[in-house]
Amino acid sequence: MKRPDYYKIAPDLMDGFLKGLGAPAYTVLDAKLKALPELRVSQLNGCAFCCDKHSQEARHLGEDRQRLDALPVWRESTFFTERERAALGWAESLTLVASTHADDGDYAAVAAVFGEREPVEISTAVAIMNFRNRLAVGFRKEVKRRG
């Protein structure tokens, strides 16, 4: 069933909500590091639109294709740093919260390698991605083929 474009129907709602959840004026989290959990969350949620968008953004930030290709199996890969692994584990734990209950081990890993603010920023990015994924999947946001 064809579903409407939620952004066209309620742009004021989307803009207001996303602006309220947007990037803070001051952030300590590296954009390239933030891109990995955002993409991983979209993979877990099966959001084709966001996977396409965030993999393209990650490449634009200088992320290499082999690491992006290995992201679904990051636990089995040696391509990711300790900080990236902690961020990815925490992102998965929050995205799958009904089964993980925000696992203490995942939180301990993220708290061990980041300062006080960064886990909050990662958690906020994960929450925003889950919100966006649910809209895009729910309304079947279409991925446009590039060139």
N, C-alpha and C. Protein backbone atom coordinates (compact mmCIF):
# COMPACT_ATOMS: atom_id res chain seq x y z
N MET A 1 0.84 -1.18 0.00
CA MET A 1 0.00 0.00 0.00
C MET A 1 0.89 1.25 0.00
N LYS A 2 0.63 2.13 -0.92
CA LYS A 2 1.37 3.39 -1.02
C LYS A 2 1.03 4.25 0.20
N ARG A 3 2.05 4.78 0.83
CA ARG A 3 1.86 5.60 2.02
C ARG A 3 2.31 7.02 1.75
N PRO A 4 1.72 7.97 2.45
CA PRO A 4 2.03 9.37 2.18
C PRO A 4 3.43 9.77 2.67
N ASP A 5 3.91 10.87 2.13
CA ASP A 5 5.17 11.44 2.56
C ASP A 5 4.89 12.27 3.81
N TYR A 6 5.28 11.75 4.96
CA TYR A 6 4.98 12.40 6.24
C TYR A 6 5.58 13.79 6.33
N TYR A 7 6.68 14.02 5.65
CA TYR A 7 7.31 15.34 5.69
C TYR A 7 6.46 16.36 4.93
N LYS A 8 5.85 15.93 3.83
CA LYS A 8 4.98 16.84 3.06
C LYS A 8 3.67 17.11 3.80
N ILE A 9 3.17 16.13 4.52
CA ILE A 9 1.91 16.29 5.22
C ILE A 9 2.05 17.19 6.44
N ALA A 10 3.13 17.05 7.17
CA ALA A 10 3.30 17.80 8.43
C ALA A 10 4.71 18.37 8.55
N PRO A 11 5.10 19.26 7.61
CA PRO A 11 6.47 19.79 7.67
C PRO A 11 6.73 20.58 8.94
N ASP A 12 5.73 21.27 9.44
CA ASP A 12 5.91 22.04 10.68
C ASP A 12 6.19 21.11 11.86
N LEU A 13 5.49 20.00 11.91
CA LEU A 13 5.69 19.02 12.98
C LEU A 13 7.08 18.39 12.87
N MET A 14 7.44 17.96 11.67
CA MET A 14 8.74 17.32 11.46
C MET A 14 9.88 18.30 11.75
N ASP A 15 9.80 19.51 11.17
CA ASP A 15 10.87 20.50 11.38
C ASP A 15 11.00 20.86 12.84
N GLY A 16 9.87 21.09 13.50
CA GLY A 16 9.90 21.46 14.91
C GLY A 16 10.46 20.35 15.77
N PHE A 17 10.02 19.14 15.53
CA PHE A 17 10.49 18.01 16.33
C PHE A 17 11.97 17.75 16.10
N LEU A 18 12.36 17.70 14.83
CA LEU A 18 13.76 17.42 14.52
C LEU A 18 14.67 18.57 14.94
N LYS A 19 14.17 19.79 14.86
CA LYS A 19 14.98 20.93 15.33
C LYS A 19 15.19 20.80 16.84
N GLY A 20 14.16 20.42 17.55
CA GLY A 20 14.26 20.23 18.99
C GLY A 20 15.20 19.10 19.36
N LEU A 21 15.31 18.11 18.49
CA LEU A 21 16.19 16.97 18.73
C LEU A 21 17.51 17.08 18.00
N GLY A 22 17.71 18.17 17.30
CA GLY A 22 18.88 18.31 16.44
C GLY A 22 20.19 18.37 17.18
N ALA A 23 21.24 18.50 16.42
CA ALA A 23 22.59 18.55 16.98
C ALA A 23 22.73 19.76 17.88
N PRO A 24 23.34 19.57 19.02
CA PRO A 24 23.55 20.71 19.92
C PRO A 24 24.52 21.72 19.30
N ALA A 25 24.43 22.95 19.77
CA ALA A 25 25.34 23.99 19.27
C ALA A 25 26.78 23.61 19.57
N TYR A 26 26.99 22.92 20.67
CA TYR A 26 28.33 22.47 21.05
C TYR A 26 28.30 20.96 21.21
N THR A 27 29.16 20.29 20.50
CA THR A 27 29.23 18.85 20.61
C THR A 27 30.69 18.43 20.74
N VAL A 28 30.94 17.44 21.57
CA VAL A 28 32.30 16.92 21.72
C VAL A 28 32.50 15.66 20.88
N LEU A 29 31.41 15.12 20.35
CA LEU A 29 31.47 13.86 19.62
C LEU A 29 31.91 14.10 18.17
N ASP A 30 32.89 13.37 17.73
CA ASP A 30 33.40 13.45 16.37
C ASP A 30 32.32 13.00 15.38
N ALA A 31 32.12 13.78 14.32
CA ALA A 31 31.07 13.48 13.33
C ALA A 31 31.28 12.12 12.67
N LYS A 32 32.51 11.76 12.39
CA LYS A 32 32.79 10.47 11.74
C LYS A 32 32.45 9.32 12.68
N LEU A 33 32.78 9.47 13.95
CA LEU A 33 32.45 8.43 14.93
C LEU A 33 30.93 8.32 15.10
N LYS A 34 30.24 9.43 15.14
CA LYS A 34 28.78 9.45 15.30
C LYS A 34 28.08 8.77 14.12
N ALA A 35 28.68 8.87 12.94
CA ALA A 35 28.06 8.30 11.74
C ALA A 35 27.93 6.78 11.81
N LEU A 36 28.87 6.11 12.46
CA LEU A 36 28.83 4.65 12.52
C LEU A 36 27.62 4.14 13.31
N PRO A 37 27.38 4.61 14.55
CA PRO A 37 26.18 4.15 15.25
C PRO A 37 24.89 4.54 14.54
N GLU A 38 24.87 5.72 13.91
CA GLU A 38 23.66 6.12 13.18
C GLU A 38 23.35 5.12 12.07
N LEU A 39 24.36 4.74 11.32
CA LEU A 39 24.16 3.78 10.25
C LEU A 39 23.80 2.41 10.81
N ARG A 40 24.47 2.00 11.87
CA ARG A 40 24.19 0.68 12.46
C ARG A 40 22.75 0.59 12.98
N VAL A 41 22.27 1.64 13.62
CA VAL A 41 20.89 1.68 14.10
C VAL A 41 19.93 1.51 12.92
N SER A 42 20.19 2.20 11.82
CA SER A 42 19.33 2.09 10.65
C SER A 42 19.37 0.69 10.05
N GLN A 43 20.53 0.04 10.10
CA GLN A 43 20.62 -1.35 9.64
C GLN A 43 19.77 -2.26 10.52
N LEU A 44 19.88 -2.09 11.82
CA LEU A 44 19.11 -2.93 12.75
C LEU A 44 17.60 -2.74 12.56
N ASN A 45 17.21 -1.51 12.25
CA ASN A 45 15.79 -1.21 12.08
C ASN A 45 15.28 -1.49 10.67
N GLY A 46 16.17 -1.91 9.78
CA GLY A 46 15.75 -2.23 8.41
C GLY A 46 15.28 -1.02 7.64
N CYS A 47 15.90 0.13 7.88
CA CYS A 47 15.48 1.36 7.21
C CYS A 47 16.37 1.62 5.99
N ALA A 48 15.87 1.25 4.82
CA ALA A 48 16.64 1.40 3.59
C ALA A 48 16.97 2.86 3.31
N PHE A 49 16.01 3.75 3.50
CA PHE A 49 16.24 5.17 3.23
C PHE A 49 17.38 5.72 4.10
N CYS A 50 17.33 5.44 5.40
CA CYS A 50 18.36 5.96 6.31
C CYS A 50 19.70 5.25 6.11
N CYS A 51 19.69 3.97 5.78
CA CYS A 51 20.96 3.28 5.48
C CYS A 51 21.64 3.94 4.28
N ASP A 52 20.87 4.22 3.27
CA ASP A 52 21.42 4.88 2.09
C ASP A 52 21.96 6.27 2.45
N LYS A 53 21.16 7.03 3.15
CA LYS A 53 21.54 8.40 3.51
C LYS A 53 22.79 8.43 4.40
N HIS A 54 22.81 7.60 5.42
CA HIS A 54 23.91 7.67 6.39
C HIS A 54 25.18 6.99 5.90
N SER A 55 25.07 6.01 5.01
CA SER A 55 26.29 5.46 4.43
C SER A 55 26.92 6.48 3.49
N GLN A 56 26.10 7.22 2.77
CA GLN A 56 26.60 8.27 1.90
C GLN A 56 27.26 9.39 2.74
N GLU A 57 26.61 9.78 3.83
CA GLU A 57 27.18 10.80 4.71
C GLU A 57 28.51 10.33 5.31
N ALA A 58 28.57 9.08 5.72
CA ALA A 58 29.81 8.54 6.30
C ALA A 58 30.94 8.58 5.28
N ARG A 59 30.65 8.20 4.04
CA ARG A 59 31.68 8.26 3.00
C ARG A 59 32.12 9.70 2.77
N HIS A 60 31.18 10.63 2.79
CA HIS A 60 31.50 12.05 2.63
C HIS A 60 32.42 12.54 3.75
N LEU A 61 32.28 11.98 4.95
CA LEU A 61 33.13 12.33 6.08
C LEU A 61 34.49 11.64 6.03
N GLY A 62 34.69 10.78 5.04
CA GLY A 62 35.98 10.11 4.88
C GLY A 62 36.00 8.65 5.31
N GLU A 63 34.83 8.11 5.65
CA GLU A 63 34.77 6.71 6.05
C GLU A 63 35.06 5.83 4.85
N ASP A 64 35.77 4.75 5.07
CA ASP A 64 36.12 3.89 3.94
C ASP A 64 35.10 2.78 3.73
N ARG A 65 34.97 2.41 2.48
CA ARG A 65 33.93 1.46 2.07
C ARG A 65 34.04 0.10 2.77
N GLN A 66 35.28 -0.39 2.95
CA GLN A 66 35.44 -1.71 3.56
C GLN A 66 34.91 -1.70 4.99
N ARG A 67 35.16 -0.65 5.73
CA ARG A 67 34.63 -0.57 7.10
C ARG A 67 33.11 -0.48 7.08
N LEU A 68 32.56 0.28 6.15
CA LEU A 68 31.10 0.36 6.06
C LEU A 68 30.50 -0.99 5.68
N ASP A 69 31.17 -1.70 4.79
CA ASP A 69 30.70 -3.03 4.40
C ASP A 69 30.73 -4.00 5.58
N ALA A 70 31.70 -3.81 6.49
CA ALA A 70 31.86 -4.70 7.64
C ALA A 70 31.01 -4.28 8.84
N LEU A 71 30.34 -3.16 8.75
CA LEU A 71 29.58 -2.67 9.90
C LEU A 71 28.56 -3.67 10.45
N PRO A 72 27.82 -4.39 9.63
CA PRO A 72 26.88 -5.36 10.19
C PRO A 72 27.55 -6.46 11.03
N VAL A 73 28.83 -6.70 10.80
CA VAL A 73 29.57 -7.72 11.54
C VAL A 73 30.73 -7.09 12.31
N TRP A 74 30.51 -5.92 12.84
CA TRP A 74 31.57 -5.18 13.52
C TRP A 74 32.19 -5.95 14.68
N ARG A 75 31.41 -6.77 15.35
CA ARG A 75 31.94 -7.54 16.48
C ARG A 75 33.00 -8.56 16.03
N GLU A 76 32.86 -9.06 14.81
CA GLU A 76 33.79 -10.05 14.28
C GLU A 76 34.92 -9.42 13.49
N SER A 77 34.91 -8.11 13.35
CA SER A 77 35.90 -7.41 12.54
C SER A 77 36.97 -6.74 13.40
N THR A 78 38.15 -6.61 12.83
CA THR A 78 39.24 -5.90 13.52
C THR A 78 39.36 -4.46 13.03
N PHE A 79 38.43 -4.00 12.21
CA PHE A 79 38.51 -2.69 11.58
C PHE A 79 38.14 -1.52 12.49
N PHE A 80 37.55 -1.80 13.65
CA PHE A 80 36.98 -0.73 14.46
C PHE A 80 37.76 -0.53 15.75
N THR A 81 37.93 0.73 16.13
CA THR A 81 38.67 1.07 17.34
C THR A 81 37.85 0.73 18.59
N GLU A 82 38.50 0.79 19.73
CA GLU A 82 37.82 0.53 21.00
C GLU A 82 36.67 1.51 21.22
N ARG A 83 36.89 2.77 20.90
CA ARG A 83 35.83 3.78 21.05
C ARG A 83 34.66 3.51 20.11
N GLU A 84 34.97 3.17 18.86
CA GLU A 84 33.91 2.87 17.90
C GLU A 84 33.13 1.63 18.33
N ARG A 85 33.83 0.62 18.81
CA ARG A 85 33.17 -0.61 19.26
C ARG A 85 32.25 -0.33 20.45
N ALA A 86 32.72 0.50 21.37
CA ALA A 86 31.88 0.85 22.53
C ALA A 86 30.64 1.61 22.08
N ALA A 87 30.81 2.56 21.17
CA ALA A 87 29.67 3.33 20.66
C ALA A 87 28.68 2.43 19.91
N LEU A 88 29.20 1.51 19.12
CA LEU A 88 28.33 0.59 18.37
C LEU A 88 27.58 -0.35 19.31
N GLY A 89 28.27 -0.87 20.32
CA GLY A 89 27.61 -1.75 21.28
C GLY A 89 26.50 -1.04 22.03
N TRP A 90 26.76 0.20 22.45
CA TRP A 90 25.76 0.98 23.17
C TRP A 90 24.59 1.32 22.24
N ALA A 91 24.88 1.65 20.99
CA ALA A 91 23.82 1.96 20.02
C ALA A 91 22.91 0.74 19.81
N GLU A 92 23.51 -0.42 19.69
CA GLU A 92 22.71 -1.64 19.52
C GLU A 92 21.89 -1.92 20.78
N SER A 93 22.50 -1.74 21.94
CA SER A 93 21.81 -2.01 23.19
C SER A 93 20.59 -1.10 23.35
N LEU A 94 20.74 0.17 23.00
CA LEU A 94 19.61 1.10 23.12
C LEU A 94 18.55 0.84 22.06
N THR A 95 18.97 0.49 20.86
CA THR A 95 18.01 0.21 19.79
C THR A 95 17.20 -1.04 20.08
N LEU A 96 17.83 -2.03 20.66
CA LEU A 96 17.17 -3.30 20.99
C LEU A 96 16.80 -3.36 22.47
N VAL A 97 16.44 -2.23 23.03
CA VAL A 97 16.25 -2.08 24.47
C VAL A 97 15.22 -3.05 25.05
N ALA A 98 14.23 -3.46 24.30
CA ALA A 98 13.23 -4.39 24.82
C ALA A 98 13.86 -5.73 25.21
N SER A 99 14.91 -6.12 24.51
CA SER A 99 15.58 -7.38 24.85
C SER A 99 16.87 -7.18 25.64
N THR A 100 17.55 -6.04 25.48
CA THR A 100 18.82 -5.84 26.17
C THR A 100 18.68 -5.13 27.52
N HIS A 101 17.61 -4.35 27.64
CA HIS A 101 17.39 -3.54 28.85
C HIS A 101 18.58 -2.61 29.11
N ALA A 102 19.17 -2.10 28.03
CA ALA A 102 20.35 -1.22 28.11
C ALA A 102 21.40 -1.86 29.01
N ASP A 103 21.94 -2.94 28.51
CA ASP A 103 22.86 -3.82 29.22
C ASP A 103 23.96 -3.06 29.98
N ASP A 104 24.18 -3.45 31.21
CA ASP A 104 25.22 -2.82 32.04
C ASP A 104 26.61 -2.96 31.41
N GLY A 105 26.89 -4.08 30.79
CA GLY A 105 28.19 -4.28 30.15
C GLY A 105 28.40 -3.32 28.98
N ASP A 106 27.34 -3.11 28.20
CA ASP A 106 27.44 -2.16 27.08
C ASP A 106 27.63 -0.74 27.59
N TYR A 107 26.92 -0.40 28.66
CA TYR A 107 27.10 0.94 29.23
C TYR A 107 28.49 1.09 29.82
N ALA A 108 28.97 0.09 30.53
CA ALA A 108 30.31 0.15 31.12
C ALA A 108 31.37 0.35 30.05
N ALA A 109 31.20 -0.31 28.90
CA ALA A 109 32.17 -0.17 27.81
C ALA A 109 32.19 1.25 27.27
N VAL A 110 31.02 1.85 27.09
CA VAL A 110 30.97 3.21 26.56
C VAL A 110 31.46 4.21 27.60
N ALA A 111 31.14 3.98 28.85
CA ALA A 111 31.58 4.89 29.93
C ALA A 111 33.09 4.82 30.14
N ALA A 112 33.69 3.67 29.86
CA ALA A 112 35.12 3.47 30.09
C ALA A 112 35.99 4.22 29.09
N VAL A 113 35.50 4.45 27.89
CA VAL A 113 36.35 5.05 26.85
C VAL A 113 35.95 6.46 26.45
N PHE A 114 34.85 6.95 27.01
CA PHE A 114 34.40 8.30 26.68
C PHE A 114 34.31 9.13 27.94
N GLY A 115 34.29 10.44 27.76
CA GLY A 115 34.07 11.35 28.87
C GLY A 115 32.62 11.29 29.32
N GLU A 116 32.25 12.18 30.18
CA GLU A 116 30.90 12.17 30.74
C GLU A 116 29.83 12.55 29.71
N ARG A 117 30.12 13.50 28.84
CA ARG A 117 29.11 14.00 27.90
C ARG A 117 28.91 13.08 26.68
N GLU A 118 29.97 12.47 26.18
CA GLU A 118 29.88 11.70 24.94
C GLU A 118 28.85 10.58 24.99
N PRO A 119 28.74 9.79 26.07
CA PRO A 119 27.68 8.77 26.09
C PRO A 119 26.27 9.36 25.98
N VAL A 120 26.09 10.57 26.52
CA VAL A 120 24.79 11.24 26.39
C VAL A 120 24.56 11.63 24.94
N GLU A 121 25.60 12.14 24.29
CA GLU A 121 25.46 12.52 22.88
C GLU A 121 25.22 11.29 21.99
N ILE A 122 25.91 10.20 22.26
CA ILE A 122 25.68 8.97 21.49
C ILE A 122 24.24 8.49 21.71
N SER A 123 23.79 8.51 22.95
CA SER A 123 22.43 8.07 23.27
C SER A 123 21.40 8.94 22.57
N THR A 124 21.64 10.24 22.52
CA THR A 124 20.72 11.15 21.85
C THR A 124 20.70 10.87 20.35
N ALA A 125 21.87 10.66 19.76
CA ALA A 125 21.94 10.35 18.32
C ALA A 125 21.19 9.04 18.03
N VAL A 126 21.33 8.06 18.90
CA VAL A 126 20.63 6.78 18.72
C VAL A 126 19.12 6.98 18.82
N ALA A 127 18.68 7.76 19.80
CA ALA A 127 17.24 8.02 19.96
C ALA A 127 16.67 8.72 18.73
N ILE A 128 17.40 9.71 18.22
CA ILE A 128 16.95 10.43 17.02
C ILE A 128 16.89 9.49 15.82
N MET A 129 17.91 8.63 15.66
CA MET A 129 17.90 7.69 14.54
C MET A 129 16.73 6.72 14.64
N ASN A 130 16.46 6.23 15.84
CA ASN A 130 15.32 5.33 16.01
C ASN A 130 14.01 6.03 15.66
N PHE A 131 13.87 7.28 16.06
CA PHE A 131 12.69 8.07 15.70
C PHE A 131 12.57 8.20 14.18
N ARG A 132 13.65 8.60 13.54
CA ARG A 132 13.63 8.79 12.08
C ARG A 132 13.39 7.47 11.35
N ASN A 133 14.01 6.40 11.83
CA ASN A 133 13.80 5.09 11.21
C ASN A 133 12.34 4.67 11.28
N ARG A 134 11.71 4.88 12.41
CA ARG A 134 10.32 4.47 12.57
C ARG A 134 9.39 5.23 11.63
N LEU A 135 9.67 6.51 11.42
CA LEU A 135 8.87 7.27 10.45
C LEU A 135 9.16 6.78 9.03
N ALA A 136 10.42 6.66 8.68
CA ALA A 136 10.78 6.27 7.31
C ALA A 136 10.28 4.87 6.97
N VAL A 137 10.42 3.93 7.91
CA VAL A 137 9.94 2.57 7.67
C VAL A 137 8.40 2.56 7.67
N GLY A 138 7.81 3.22 8.65
CA GLY A 138 6.35 3.22 8.77
C GLY A 138 5.65 3.81 7.56
N PHE A 139 6.25 4.86 6.98
CA PHE A 139 5.66 5.51 5.82
C PHE A 139 6.33 5.12 4.51
N ARG A 140 7.17 4.06 4.57
CA ARG A 140 7.82 3.50 3.39
C ARG A 140 8.55 4.57 2.58
N LYS A 141 9.38 5.37 3.27
CA LYS A 141 10.17 6.41 2.61
C LYS A 141 11.05 5.77 1.55
N GLU A 142 10.90 6.21 0.32
CA GLU A 142 11.57 5.58 -0.81
C GLU A 142 12.99 6.10 -0.98
N VAL A 143 13.88 5.18 -1.27
CA VAL A 143 15.26 5.53 -1.60
C VAL A 143 15.30 5.87 -3.08
N LYS A 144 15.82 7.04 -3.38
CA LYS A 144 15.96 7.45 -4.79
C LYS A 144 17.32 6.96 -5.30
N ARG A 145 17.30 6.34 -6.44
CA ARG A 145 18.54 5.85 -7.07
C ARG A 145 19.35 7.04 -7.56
N ARG A 146 20.64 7.04 -7.22
CA ARG A 146 21.53 8.10 -7.67
C ARG A 146 22.21 7.68 -8.96
N GLY A 147 22.45 8.68 -9.82
CA GLY A 147 23.20 8.54 -11.06
C GLY A 147 23.33 7.18 -11.52
